[in-house]
Amino acid sequence: MSSNKTVACPLDCYDACEAVIVNGKIRGNKEHFPTNGNLCANFISCTKEDYLKDAFYDNKKISLKESLDILVSKLKNVEPKNTLFYKGSGNIGVMQNSIKSFFAKYGSILTQGSLCDGGGGYGISLNRKEVVNPPIEQLQEADVIIVWGRNFSVTSSHMYELVKDKTFITIDPIKTHIAKNSELHLALNPKTDYELALLLTRFAYMQDLEDEEFCERFNSSEEFFDLAKSRPVISYEEATGVSLEDINRFFEIIENKKVALVLGLGVQKYYEGANITRCIDSFAAFLGLHNHKKHSGVWYLSNSKYGYENQFNMQTQNKKEKVTEVDFSKYDLVFVQGGNPVVSAPNTQRVIDGLKNSFVVLMGTTYNDTCKYADLIIPSCSFLQKNDIRLSYGHQYKAISNKVEEANENSISEYDLSKYLFESFNYDGLKDEKKILDYYINNSVEQYQFDNFEFIDDIEVNHLYEEKLENEFYFITAKKKKSLNSSFKIDNYLYLNPKTGFNDEDNVTLTSKYGKAKFIVKLTEDVKENCVLCYAGNKNANYITPYSSDESSSSAMYQEVLVSIDLS
């Protein structure tokens, strides 16, 4: 490998860390502020992946040239409107969008919405137009960090290292790693986050903690406070499962302190996920967390491309498919880029049935569960074999990834495939690779300053606790160390509280109105007794999740489900 060049982690992660090649070895880059010379477990795992070395057609090895010829032939002999382009997040460098630009121009159906952060992002945008985090240095200035619905020390290990000496308050149904290292853990019931946010708003008002300067500036907080007063305190306490003693402790900890809020995906995995997130962000604004004279700010999954001009034209005249509701069987050809929908998309059985009835092309770096249903597999180069730029949704720093080794003769970069397809169809409009890379390298973005804030003034939520039967459980998903979505060290266990009456290693069947799946039980006190927990990437978890979309952002709502458990 070429020495003294930087490489960026391509993974779908907050940290977007950068490494440098030293004497042929990958080392954390000390000059990249968030990375600070350290490599996280996922980046290390990424360097050890068993990358695809051959193309396959009908389960037989073929050359790269043959695979490209097959792809072009298929695309020239099918109606574009009968093809689907489905992009995953196995690699989220900016150059990955080059392929999407081809399929947009070709006329394929594209997807809309998100399997990840879409609901929460949409809710925040209704409050303050853009979803952009403050500079990471402001997080370092906080005395107290509230971590809400995010296992911060696991999902953002580099960011956590910068602030690990702070005082933490965790709000999460699960006793996560960060919860165990917090001054206070509010173990609320699932899908009661908005009710807790309204309860905290009432207490903030009673203790004169409203940021009058911020609220008067935007003049929309009165309706939000009326919303917070709309229910008796005791009703909030019963719904959330959080005691008034813990609420009082919360305010004791933050009193006269500089406070930040780190918000995760857990709060928005529901039908009303956008408004639930918006409600939490409104509480933060009421408390003054957006007023950087007093506090540090709110962090979610930022729009990493904010302020940059899109270097790829991905506009389409076709109506897009909601990503959660895609019926793969409707299409004559499905192109999957860097994704593993068989594990990551909701309602696994529906996904499998659909893929079986289409011609599936998969482009990726490794063999995953979806490859089993692919008719044509095109190996993508590893991140060490192509140039790219990684923008972060966790902080404002970008990471530069240089090509440091030659690609396998049977693999191809996303940009080179795009160029091949553009040329095969005599299309124009694809910019030069170097010009695209130079644009991102040489341009920087000014800090976003929102000039308006619209507090939420109404919210209607279908309460799962009102539907839940005595023998049913809330279904929770979470991230785990040494795994990332459906990659690396996957944990397929079902985690239950010992008070449920089940035993370690029990074989059980989990049933919802959307499907059923078998699991082996692991007991833990970290899960509330009214919940079941599956870690992200669990190969059976999405057999029981809904494939319909949330109410406002065409996004997934994995936790909008109740389940029952039976011994198998």
Protein backbone atom coordinates (compact mmCIF):
# COMPACT_ATOMS: atom_id res chain seq x y z
CA MET A 1 0.00 0.00 0.00
CA SER A 2 1.14 3.55 -0.77
CA SER A 3 2.51 5.22 2.36
CA ASN A 4 1.63 8.63 3.80
CA LYS A 5 -1.74 8.74 2.07
CA THR A 6 -5.01 9.05 3.97
CA VAL A 7 -7.92 6.65 3.71
CA ALA A 8 -11.43 7.19 5.07
CA CYS A 9 -13.69 4.66 6.71
CA PRO A 10 -16.59 4.12 4.27
CA LEU A 11 -19.03 2.78 6.87
CA ASP A 12 -22.44 4.17 7.78
CA CYS A 13 -21.30 5.65 11.10
CA TYR A 14 -21.31 9.02 12.88
CA ASP A 15 -17.54 9.24 13.29
CA ALA A 16 -16.32 9.15 9.66
CA CYS A 17 -12.78 8.49 10.88
CA GLU A 18 -9.66 8.92 8.79
CA ALA A 19 -6.53 6.78 8.76
CA VAL A 20 -3.08 7.20 7.26
CA ILE A 21 -0.88 4.55 5.64
CA VAL A 22 2.41 4.24 7.55
CA ASN A 23 4.96 1.73 6.26
CA GLY A 24 2.22 -0.20 4.53
CA LYS A 25 -0.02 -0.35 7.62
CA ILE A 26 -3.24 1.49 8.43
CA ARG A 27 -2.98 3.80 11.43
CA GLY A 28 -5.42 6.30 12.90
CA ASN A 29 -4.68 9.81 11.65
CA LYS A 30 -3.61 12.05 14.55
CA GLU A 31 -4.17 15.12 12.37
CA HIS A 32 -7.85 14.30 11.84
CA PHE A 33 -9.53 15.88 14.86
CA PRO A 34 -12.34 13.35 15.57
CA THR A 35 -10.13 10.30 14.85
CA ASN A 36 -7.25 11.61 16.99
CA GLY A 37 -4.92 8.74 16.05
CA ASN A 38 -7.27 5.92 17.03
CA LEU A 39 -9.08 3.34 14.93
CA CYS A 40 -12.46 2.06 16.10
CA ALA A 41 -13.47 -1.62 16.09
CA ASN A 42 -15.64 -1.25 12.99
CA PHE A 43 -12.89 0.38 10.91
CA ILE A 44 -10.51 -2.40 11.92
CA SER A 45 -13.15 -4.98 10.96
CA CYS A 46 -13.59 -3.24 7.62
CA THR A 47 -9.89 -3.70 6.82
CA LYS A 48 -10.19 -7.44 7.51
CA GLU A 49 -13.26 -8.12 5.36
CA ASP A 50 -13.29 -11.02 2.92
CA TYR A 51 -13.92 -8.96 -0.19
CA LEU A 52 -15.56 -10.36 -3.31
CA LYS A 53 -12.95 -11.36 -5.87
CA ASP A 54 -15.17 -12.68 -8.66
CA ALA A 55 -18.32 -11.79 -10.53
CA PHE A 56 -21.13 -14.35 -10.61
CA TYR A 57 -24.00 -15.09 -12.99
CA ASP A 58 -26.49 -17.83 -12.10
CA ASN A 59 -24.08 -18.87 -9.31
CA LYS A 60 -21.21 -19.40 -11.77
CA LYS A 61 -17.98 -17.41 -11.77
CA ILE A 62 -17.57 -15.10 -14.74
CA SER A 63 -15.19 -12.29 -15.64
CA LEU A 64 -15.91 -8.68 -14.81
CA LYS A 65 -16.23 -7.90 -18.55
CA GLU A 66 -18.83 -10.63 -18.93
CA SER A 67 -20.81 -9.30 -15.96
CA LEU A 68 -20.84 -5.78 -17.43
CA ASP A 69 -21.93 -7.09 -20.81
CA ILE A 70 -24.80 -8.97 -19.20
CA LEU A 71 -25.88 -5.89 -17.27
CA VAL A 72 -25.87 -3.67 -20.36
CA SER A 73 -27.73 -6.27 -22.40
CA LYS A 74 -30.40 -6.64 -19.74
CA LEU A 75 -30.85 -2.87 -19.43
CA LYS A 76 -31.15 -2.48 -23.21
CA ASN A 77 -33.81 -5.16 -23.43
CA VAL A 78 -36.17 -4.02 -20.69
CA GLU A 79 -38.40 -1.00 -20.21
CA PRO A 80 -36.61 1.45 -17.87
CA LYS A 81 -39.84 2.04 -15.92
CA ASN A 82 -39.83 -1.69 -15.11
CA THR A 83 -36.46 -1.46 -13.36
CA LEU A 84 -35.69 -0.42 -9.79
CA PHE A 85 -32.54 1.15 -8.39
CA TYR A 86 -32.13 0.34 -4.69
CA LYS A 87 -29.20 1.90 -2.84
CA GLY A 88 -28.03 0.68 0.54
CA SER A 89 -25.60 2.30 2.94
CA GLY A 90 -22.74 -0.20 2.94
CA ASN A 91 -20.49 2.60 1.69
CA ILE A 92 -21.56 6.21 2.05
CA GLY A 93 -18.71 8.07 0.37
CA VAL A 94 -19.82 10.86 -1.96
CA MET A 95 -18.70 9.01 -5.11
CA GLN A 96 -21.23 6.25 -4.42
CA ASN A 97 -23.99 8.44 -5.87
CA SER A 98 -22.46 8.21 -9.34
CA ILE A 99 -24.39 5.02 -10.11
CA LYS A 100 -27.67 6.56 -8.97
CA SER A 101 -27.09 9.36 -11.48
CA PHE A 102 -26.95 6.78 -14.30
CA PHE A 103 -30.14 5.00 -13.27
CA ALA A 104 -31.94 8.34 -12.87
CA LYS A 105 -30.95 9.29 -16.42
CA TYR A 106 -31.83 5.83 -17.72
CA GLY A 107 -35.33 6.11 -16.23
CA SER A 108 -35.35 3.52 -13.46
CA ILE A 109 -37.69 3.86 -10.52
CA LEU A 110 -35.81 5.23 -7.51
CA THR A 111 -36.72 4.95 -3.84
CA GLN A 112 -37.67 7.69 -1.42
CA GLY A 113 -37.58 7.79 2.36
CA SER A 114 -35.16 6.13 4.73
CA LEU A 115 -34.58 2.91 6.64
CA CYS A 116 -32.58 4.93 9.15
CA ASP A 117 -33.04 8.54 10.24
CA GLY A 118 -35.70 9.88 7.88
CA GLY A 119 -38.53 10.42 10.35
CA GLY A 120 -36.41 12.22 12.91
CA GLY A 121 -34.69 14.33 10.28
CA TYR A 122 -38.00 15.43 8.83
CA GLY A 123 -39.29 16.40 12.28
CA ILE A 124 -36.24 18.52 13.02
CA SER A 125 -36.48 20.21 9.62
CA LEU A 126 -40.02 21.33 10.49
CA ASN A 127 -38.57 23.08 13.54
CA ARG A 128 -35.48 24.68 12.02
CA LYS A 129 -35.49 24.04 8.23
CA GLU A 130 -32.13 22.27 8.07
CA VAL A 131 -30.82 19.24 9.96
CA VAL A 132 -27.31 20.45 10.73
CA ASN A 133 -25.31 19.81 13.89
CA PRO A 134 -23.28 22.47 15.71
CA PRO A 135 -19.47 22.19 15.54
CA ILE A 136 -18.19 19.27 17.60
CA GLU A 137 -16.12 21.71 19.66
CA GLN A 138 -19.36 23.02 21.20
CA LEU A 139 -20.14 19.52 22.48
CA GLN A 140 -16.77 19.56 24.20
CA GLU A 141 -17.78 22.76 26.02
CA ALA A 142 -20.81 21.10 27.67
CA ASP A 143 -20.82 20.20 31.35
CA VAL A 144 -23.73 17.79 31.02
CA ILE A 145 -24.68 15.73 27.95
CA ILE A 146 -28.19 14.30 27.68
CA VAL A 147 -28.12 11.15 25.53
CA TRP A 148 -31.63 10.38 24.28
CA GLY A 149 -32.30 7.15 22.38
CA ARG A 150 -28.69 6.64 21.34
CA ASN A 151 -25.96 4.33 22.64
CA PHE A 152 -23.49 7.17 22.24
CA SER A 153 -20.34 5.42 23.48
CA VAL A 154 -20.90 2.53 21.02
CA THR A 155 -22.32 4.21 17.92
CA SER A 156 -20.02 7.25 18.12
CA SER A 157 -16.90 5.99 19.85
CA HIS A 158 -14.59 8.72 18.47
CA MET A 159 -17.00 11.51 19.41
CA TYR A 160 -17.45 9.93 22.83
CA GLU A 161 -13.70 9.88 23.42
CA LEU A 162 -13.68 13.67 23.02
CA VAL A 163 -16.25 14.15 25.81
CA LYS A 164 -16.03 11.03 27.99
CA ASP A 165 -15.16 13.10 31.07
CA LYS A 166 -18.53 14.89 30.98
CA THR A 167 -21.56 14.16 33.14
CA PHE A 168 -24.12 12.09 31.24
CA ILE A 169 -27.86 11.61 31.56
CA THR A 170 -29.27 8.78 29.43
CA ILE A 171 -32.91 8.46 28.36
CA ASP A 172 -33.51 5.02 26.88
CA PRO A 173 -35.67 1.92 27.56
CA ILE A 174 -32.46 -0.14 27.46
CA LYS A 175 -29.64 0.02 29.97
CA THR A 176 -27.05 0.68 27.29
CA HIS A 177 -23.30 1.03 27.76
CA ILE A 178 -23.67 4.82 28.00
CA ALA A 179 -26.57 4.40 30.45
CA LYS A 180 -24.32 2.36 32.75
CA ASN A 181 -21.82 5.20 32.65
CA SER A 182 -24.34 7.95 33.31
CA GLU A 183 -25.18 9.94 36.42
CA LEU A 184 -28.86 9.23 35.75
CA HIS A 185 -30.73 6.75 33.55
CA LEU A 186 -34.38 7.45 32.76
CA ALA A 187 -35.62 4.04 31.60
CA LEU A 188 -38.84 5.20 29.94
CA ASN A 189 -41.35 2.95 28.27
CA PRO A 190 -41.00 2.65 24.48
CA LYS A 191 -42.76 5.28 22.37
CA THR A 192 -43.39 7.61 25.31
CA ASP A 193 -40.49 9.93 24.45
CA TYR A 194 -42.75 12.79 23.41
CA GLU A 195 -44.69 12.52 26.68
CA LEU A 196 -41.48 12.66 28.65
CA ALA A 197 -40.37 15.69 26.61
CA LEU A 198 -43.64 17.47 27.47
CA LEU A 199 -43.33 16.53 31.14
CA LEU A 200 -39.76 17.86 31.25
CA THR A 201 -40.99 21.07 29.60
CA ARG A 202 -43.55 21.58 32.38
CA PHE A 203 -40.92 21.06 35.05
CA ALA A 204 -38.53 23.41 33.25
CA TYR A 205 -41.21 26.10 33.28
CA MET A 206 -41.99 25.56 36.98
CA GLN A 207 -38.29 25.94 37.79
CA ASP A 208 -37.89 29.09 35.67
CA LEU A 209 -35.59 27.33 33.22
CA GLU A 210 -37.35 28.54 30.08
CA ASP A 211 -34.96 30.37 27.78
CA GLU A 212 -37.04 33.54 27.47
CA GLU A 213 -34.56 35.19 25.09
CA PHE A 214 -34.76 32.31 22.59
CA CYS A 215 -38.53 31.79 22.97
CA GLU A 216 -39.33 35.49 22.58
CA ARG A 217 -37.06 35.74 19.57
CA PHE A 218 -39.04 33.09 17.69
CA ASN A 219 -42.40 33.79 19.32
CA SER A 220 -43.89 30.33 18.91
CA SER A 221 -43.30 28.72 22.31
CA GLU A 222 -46.61 29.55 24.00
CA GLU A 223 -48.56 26.99 21.97
CA PHE A 224 -45.88 24.41 22.71
CA PHE A 225 -46.16 25.06 26.43
CA ASP A 226 -49.96 24.82 26.19
CA LEU A 227 -49.41 21.42 24.61
CA ALA A 228 -47.16 20.43 27.52
CA LYS A 229 -49.87 21.45 30.01
CA SER A 230 -52.55 19.45 28.21
CA ARG A 231 -52.27 16.40 30.47
CA PRO A 232 -51.97 15.95 34.25
CA VAL A 233 -48.45 15.27 35.53
CA ILE A 234 -49.57 11.95 36.99
CA SER A 235 -50.72 10.78 33.54
CA TYR A 236 -47.31 11.52 32.09
CA GLU A 237 -45.64 9.63 34.93
CA GLU A 238 -47.85 6.56 34.46
CA ALA A 239 -47.33 6.52 30.70
CA THR A 240 -43.57 6.97 30.64
CA GLY A 241 -42.70 4.82 33.65
CA VAL A 242 -40.31 7.57 34.82
CA SER A 243 -40.74 8.65 38.44
CA LEU A 244 -41.10 12.26 39.58
CA GLU A 245 -38.10 11.61 41.82
CA ASP A 246 -35.98 10.94 38.74
CA ILE A 247 -37.43 14.00 37.00
CA ASN A 248 -36.35 16.15 39.94
CA ARG A 249 -32.92 14.52 39.86
CA PHE A 250 -32.67 15.37 36.16
CA PHE A 251 -33.05 19.07 36.89
CA GLU A 252 -30.71 18.93 39.86
CA ILE A 253 -27.97 17.62 37.55
CA ILE A 254 -28.43 20.24 34.82
CA GLU A 255 -28.98 23.20 37.15
CA ASN A 256 -26.53 26.03 36.34
CA LYS A 257 -24.70 23.78 33.87
CA LYS A 258 -23.95 24.09 30.17
CA VAL A 259 -26.02 21.35 28.56
CA ALA A 260 -25.99 19.47 25.24
CA LEU A 261 -28.41 16.92 23.83
CA VAL A 262 -27.27 13.96 21.70
CA LEU A 263 -30.32 12.49 20.01
CA GLY A 264 -30.44 9.05 18.41
CA LEU A 265 -32.57 6.92 16.12
CA GLY A 266 -34.45 5.07 18.84
CA VAL A 267 -36.99 7.84 19.40
CA GLN A 268 -38.19 7.94 15.77
CA LYS A 269 -38.72 4.30 14.82
CA TYR A 270 -42.48 4.79 15.01
CA TYR A 271 -45.39 5.92 12.86
CA GLU A 272 -45.27 9.39 14.40
CA GLY A 273 -41.47 9.40 14.60
CA ALA A 274 -41.12 12.84 12.98
CA ASN A 275 -43.35 14.58 15.50
CA ILE A 276 -41.90 12.65 18.44
CA THR A 277 -38.44 13.89 17.46
CA ARG A 278 -39.78 17.36 16.82
CA CYS A 279 -41.28 17.39 20.31
CA ILE A 280 -37.91 16.52 21.89
CA ASP A 281 -36.18 19.21 19.83
CA SER A 282 -38.84 21.71 20.95
CA PHE A 283 -38.15 20.83 24.59
CA ALA A 284 -34.46 21.39 23.95
CA ALA A 285 -35.25 24.80 22.44
CA PHE A 286 -37.53 25.71 25.36
CA LEU A 287 -34.66 24.89 27.72
CA GLY A 288 -32.31 27.03 25.63
CA LEU A 289 -30.02 24.33 24.24
CA HIS A 290 -29.99 26.03 20.83
CA ASN A 291 -28.86 29.29 22.46
CA HIS A 292 -25.11 28.86 22.26
CA LYS A 293 -24.54 31.74 24.65
CA LYS A 294 -25.86 29.49 27.40
CA HIS A 295 -25.69 25.91 26.18
CA SER A 296 -24.02 23.68 23.61
CA GLY A 297 -26.71 22.55 21.19
CA VAL A 298 -28.50 19.47 19.87
CA TRP A 299 -26.90 16.69 17.80
CA TYR A 300 -28.80 14.28 15.56
CA LEU A 301 -27.82 12.76 12.21
CA SER A 302 -26.82 15.90 10.37
CA ASN A 303 -27.29 16.47 6.65
CA SER A 304 -23.65 15.84 5.78
CA LYS A 305 -24.06 17.38 2.31
CA TYR A 306 -25.45 20.66 3.63
CA GLY A 307 -23.79 23.61 1.89
CA TYR A 308 -22.30 21.55 -0.95
CA GLU A 309 -23.58 21.56 -4.51
CA ASN A 310 -24.61 18.11 -5.67
CA GLN A 311 -22.03 16.89 -8.17
CA PHE A 312 -24.31 14.20 -9.62
CA ASN A 313 -27.63 14.80 -11.35
CA MET A 314 -30.09 12.37 -9.75
CA GLN A 315 -33.30 14.10 -10.82
CA THR A 316 -36.00 11.85 -12.24
CA GLN A 317 -39.42 12.41 -13.75
CA ASN A 318 -40.67 9.08 -12.45
CA LYS A 319 -42.67 8.69 -9.30
CA LYS A 320 -40.47 7.20 -6.58
CA GLU A 321 -41.23 4.10 -4.49
CA LYS A 322 -41.34 4.36 -0.71
CA VAL A 323 -38.28 2.43 0.39
CA THR A 324 -40.17 0.53 3.10
CA GLU A 325 -42.96 -0.56 0.76
CA VAL A 326 -40.97 -1.69 -2.27
CA ASP A 327 -42.42 -4.76 -3.94
CA PHE A 328 -39.39 -6.16 -5.75
CA SER A 329 -41.55 -8.60 -7.71
CA LYS A 330 -43.10 -5.70 -9.67
CA TYR A 331 -39.83 -5.12 -11.52
CA ASP A 332 -38.17 -6.99 -14.34
CA LEU A 333 -34.75 -5.91 -13.06
CA VAL A 334 -33.63 -4.72 -9.62
CA PHE A 335 -30.19 -3.17 -9.14
CA VAL A 336 -29.03 -3.26 -5.50
CA GLN A 337 -25.99 -1.15 -4.69
CA GLY A 338 -24.16 -1.64 -1.40
CA GLY A 339 -27.22 -2.96 0.36
CA ASN A 340 -28.53 -6.03 2.14
CA PRO A 341 -32.32 -5.64 2.11
CA VAL A 342 -32.88 -9.28 3.05
CA VAL A 343 -31.65 -8.38 6.56
CA SER A 344 -31.96 -4.59 6.77
CA ALA A 345 -35.32 -3.88 5.15
CA PRO A 346 -38.57 -4.41 7.07
CA ASN A 347 -40.58 -7.62 6.68
CA THR A 348 -37.91 -10.04 5.50
CA GLN A 349 -40.23 -12.69 4.05
CA ARG A 350 -41.87 -10.12 1.77
CA VAL A 351 -38.43 -8.95 0.61
CA ILE A 352 -37.29 -12.50 -0.18
CA ASP A 353 -40.50 -13.36 -2.02
CA GLY A 354 -40.10 -10.23 -4.13
CA LEU A 355 -36.45 -10.80 -4.99
CA LYS A 356 -37.20 -14.36 -6.08
CA ASN A 357 -39.49 -12.98 -8.76
CA SER A 358 -37.16 -10.43 -10.34
CA PHE A 359 -33.80 -10.39 -12.07
CA VAL A 360 -31.54 -9.10 -9.29
CA VAL A 361 -28.19 -7.41 -9.86
CA LEU A 362 -26.14 -6.77 -6.74
CA MET A 363 -23.04 -4.60 -6.62
CA GLY A 364 -21.15 -4.82 -3.35
CA THR A 365 -17.82 -5.46 -1.70
CA THR A 366 -18.72 -8.61 0.26
CA TYR A 367 -21.02 -11.60 0.02
CA ASN A 368 -24.13 -10.87 2.09
CA ASP A 369 -27.54 -12.46 2.66
CA THR A 370 -29.07 -10.75 -0.39
CA CYS A 371 -26.44 -12.28 -2.69
CA LYS A 372 -28.27 -15.59 -2.30
CA TYR A 373 -31.14 -14.12 -4.35
CA ALA A 374 -28.99 -12.23 -6.88
CA ASP A 375 -28.82 -13.43 -10.47
CA LEU A 376 -25.79 -11.26 -11.24
CA ILE A 377 -23.13 -10.15 -8.72
CA ILE A 378 -20.67 -7.40 -9.63
CA PRO A 379 -17.78 -6.99 -7.17
CA SER A 380 -17.05 -3.45 -6.07
CA CYS A 381 -13.52 -2.37 -5.20
CA SER A 382 -12.69 -2.08 -1.52
CA PHE A 383 -12.36 1.40 -0.04
CA LEU A 384 -8.57 1.07 -0.33
CA GLN A 385 -8.81 0.66 -4.10
CA LYS A 386 -10.68 3.84 -5.06
CA ASN A 387 -10.72 7.57 -4.38
CA ASP A 388 -13.57 9.01 -2.35
CA ILE A 389 -14.59 11.64 0.20
CA ARG A 390 -16.45 10.83 3.39
CA LEU A 391 -18.67 13.57 4.81
CA SER A 392 -19.88 13.05 8.37
CA TYR A 393 -23.40 13.27 9.75
CA GLY A 394 -21.96 13.37 13.28
CA HIS A 395 -19.56 16.31 13.03
CA GLN A 396 -18.29 18.91 10.56
CA TYR A 397 -15.01 17.24 9.55
CA LYS A 398 -14.56 15.39 6.25
CA ALA A 399 -12.23 12.46 5.64
CA ILE A 400 -10.23 11.98 2.45
CA SER A 401 -9.88 8.49 1.02
CA ASN A 402 -7.07 7.94 -1.48
CA LYS A 403 -6.51 4.91 -3.64
CA VAL A 404 -3.62 3.09 -1.96
CA GLU A 405 -3.69 -0.30 -3.67
CA GLU A 406 -4.62 -1.69 -7.06
CA ALA A 407 -8.02 -3.26 -7.55
CA ASN A 408 -8.63 -6.91 -8.27
CA GLU A 409 -9.02 -7.42 -12.04
CA ASN A 410 -12.58 -8.64 -11.46
CA SER A 411 -13.77 -5.68 -9.38
CA ILE A 412 -14.72 -2.15 -10.35
CA SER A 413 -15.33 1.13 -8.54
CA GLU A 414 -18.77 2.70 -8.50
CA TYR A 415 -17.56 5.68 -10.51
CA ASP A 416 -15.93 3.47 -13.14
CA LEU A 417 -19.10 1.41 -13.51
CA SER A 418 -21.10 4.61 -13.89
CA LYS A 419 -18.68 5.84 -16.57
CA TYR A 420 -18.94 2.49 -18.38
CA LEU A 421 -22.75 2.67 -18.35
CA PHE A 422 -22.86 6.31 -19.44
CA GLU A 423 -20.63 5.43 -22.39
CA SER A 424 -22.56 2.25 -23.25
CA PHE A 425 -25.78 4.26 -23.54
CA ASN A 426 -24.15 7.32 -25.14
CA TYR A 427 -25.23 9.51 -22.22
CA ASP A 428 -23.50 12.73 -21.27
CA GLY A 429 -23.55 14.64 -18.00
CA LEU A 430 -21.18 12.62 -15.79
CA LYS A 431 -18.54 14.97 -14.41
CA ASP A 432 -14.85 14.10 -14.39
CA GLU A 433 -13.89 12.09 -11.30
CA LYS A 434 -10.99 14.33 -10.31
CA LYS A 435 -13.10 17.48 -10.63
CA ILE A 436 -15.72 16.01 -8.31
CA LEU A 437 -13.15 14.97 -5.72
CA ASP A 438 -11.36 18.34 -5.91
CA TYR A 439 -14.66 20.15 -5.39
CA TYR A 440 -15.25 18.42 -2.05
CA ILE A 441 -11.61 18.62 -0.98
CA ASN A 442 -11.22 22.32 -1.72
CA ASN A 443 -14.58 23.64 -0.52
CA SER A 444 -15.66 24.16 3.06
CA VAL A 445 -19.05 24.98 4.51
CA GLU A 446 -19.92 27.80 6.89
CA GLN A 447 -21.67 26.93 10.14
CA TYR A 448 -25.45 26.84 9.74
CA GLN A 449 -27.33 29.55 11.63
CA PHE A 450 -31.09 29.02 11.63
CA ASP A 451 -33.12 32.20 11.45
CA ASN A 452 -36.41 30.68 12.56
CA PHE A 453 -37.65 28.03 14.95
CA GLU A 454 -41.18 26.64 14.81
CA PHE A 455 -42.10 24.91 18.07
CA ILE A 456 -44.47 21.98 17.67
CA ASP A 457 -47.95 22.97 18.82
CA ASP A 458 -49.93 19.77 18.30
CA ILE A 459 -49.23 16.06 18.27
CA GLU A 460 -51.42 12.97 17.99
CA VAL A 461 -49.84 9.61 18.77
CA ASN A 462 -51.26 6.12 18.65
CA HIS A 463 -50.14 4.85 22.05
CA LEU A 464 -48.79 1.32 21.96
CA TYR A 465 -49.36 1.03 25.71
CA GLU A 466 -53.11 1.40 25.09
CA GLU A 467 -53.07 -1.47 22.57
CA LYS A 468 -50.67 -3.76 24.43
CA LEU A 469 -52.18 -6.96 25.82
CA GLU A 470 -50.91 -8.51 29.03
CA ASN A 471 -48.97 -11.22 27.17
CA GLU A 472 -47.43 -8.81 24.64
CA PHE A 473 -44.07 -6.99 24.60
CA TYR A 474 -42.61 -3.88 23.04
CA PHE A 475 -40.08 -4.67 20.30
CA ILE A 476 -36.80 -2.74 20.56
CA THR A 477 -33.75 -2.67 18.28
CA ALA A 478 -30.32 -1.24 19.10
CA LYS A 479 -26.73 -1.03 17.90
CA LYS A 480 -24.04 -3.23 19.40
CA LYS A 481 -20.28 -2.95 19.64
CA LYS A 482 -18.25 -4.80 16.98
CA SER A 483 -21.18 -4.90 14.54
CA LEU A 484 -22.70 -2.37 12.19
CA ASN A 485 -26.16 -2.98 10.78
CA SER A 486 -25.78 -6.35 8.98
CA SER A 487 -21.96 -6.40 8.94
CA PHE A 488 -19.21 -7.96 11.05
CA LYS A 489 -19.98 -9.82 14.29
CA ILE A 490 -23.75 -10.39 14.15
CA ASP A 491 -25.77 -11.22 17.26
CA ASN A 492 -28.91 -13.25 16.46
CA TYR A 493 -30.14 -13.71 20.05
CA LEU A 494 -33.38 -12.39 21.50
CA TYR A 495 -32.74 -10.54 24.77
CA LEU A 496 -35.31 -10.75 27.58
CA ASN A 497 -35.49 -9.71 31.18
CA PRO A 498 -35.26 -12.65 33.65
CA LYS A 499 -38.65 -11.63 35.12
CA THR A 500 -40.36 -12.73 31.88
CA GLY A 501 -40.10 -16.33 33.08
CA PHE A 502 -38.05 -17.60 30.15
CA ASN A 503 -34.61 -19.19 30.49
CA ASP A 504 -31.27 -18.74 28.80
CA GLU A 505 -31.04 -20.74 25.55
CA ASP A 506 -34.81 -21.26 25.33
CA ASN A 507 -35.99 -21.69 21.74
CA VAL A 508 -38.89 -19.32 21.22
CA THR A 509 -41.11 -18.01 18.45
CA LEU A 510 -41.79 -14.29 18.30
CA THR A 511 -45.09 -13.37 16.64
CA SER A 512 -46.47 -10.04 15.47
CA LYS A 513 -49.33 -9.22 13.12
CA TYR A 514 -46.71 -8.90 10.35
CA GLY A 515 -44.98 -12.27 10.72
CA LYS A 516 -43.15 -14.65 13.01
CA ALA A 517 -39.57 -15.80 13.59
CA LYS A 518 -37.59 -18.18 15.78
CA PHE A 519 -34.92 -17.04 18.25
CA ILE A 520 -32.70 -18.31 21.05
CA VAL A 521 -33.10 -16.41 24.32
CA LYS A 522 -30.44 -14.57 26.27
CA LEU A 523 -31.44 -13.11 29.62
CA THR A 524 -30.29 -9.68 30.76
CA GLU A 525 -31.28 -7.10 33.35
CA ASP A 526 -30.48 -4.43 30.76
CA VAL A 527 -33.88 -4.87 29.11
CA LYS A 528 -37.13 -3.78 30.76
CA GLU A 529 -39.44 -6.69 31.54
CA ASN A 530 -42.09 -5.36 29.13
CA CYS A 531 -39.63 -5.30 26.20
CA VAL A 532 -37.76 -7.66 23.88
CA LEU A 533 -34.48 -6.58 22.31
CA CYS A 534 -32.80 -7.53 19.04
CA TYR A 535 -29.51 -5.99 17.99
CA ALA A 536 -29.17 -4.49 14.53
CA GLY A 537 -28.27 -7.11 11.94
CA ASN A 538 -30.17 -9.92 13.66
CA LYS A 539 -31.10 -12.08 10.69
CA ASN A 540 -34.57 -12.93 12.00
CA ALA A 541 -35.66 -9.63 13.52
CA ASN A 542 -37.25 -8.10 10.45
CA TYR A 543 -39.56 -11.03 9.81
CA ILE A 544 -41.86 -9.38 12.36
CA THR A 545 -41.57 -5.70 11.43
CA PRO A 546 -44.09 -3.63 9.42
CA TYR A 547 -43.34 -2.74 5.81
CA SER A 548 -45.63 0.30 5.74
CA SER A 549 -44.19 3.81 6.10
CA ASP A 550 -44.38 6.40 8.84
CA GLU A 551 -46.92 9.23 8.63
CA SER A 552 -44.78 11.93 7.05
CA SER A 553 -41.37 10.92 5.63
CA SER A 554 -41.86 7.62 3.73
CA SER A 555 -39.50 6.03 6.24
CA ALA A 556 -39.31 2.83 8.27
CA MET A 557 -40.96 2.37 11.65
CA TYR A 558 -39.33 -0.80 12.92
CA GLN A 559 -40.61 -0.47 16.50
CA GLU A 560 -44.26 0.24 15.67
CA VAL A 561 -45.08 -3.32 16.65
CA LEU A 562 -46.11 -5.47 19.61
CA VAL A 563 -45.05 -9.11 19.88
CA SER A 564 -45.95 -12.26 21.76
CA ILE A 565 -43.53 -15.04 22.75
CA ASP A 566 -44.09 -18.79 22.72
CA LEU A 567 -41.73 -21.66 23.44
CA SER A 568 -40.85 -23.44 20.19
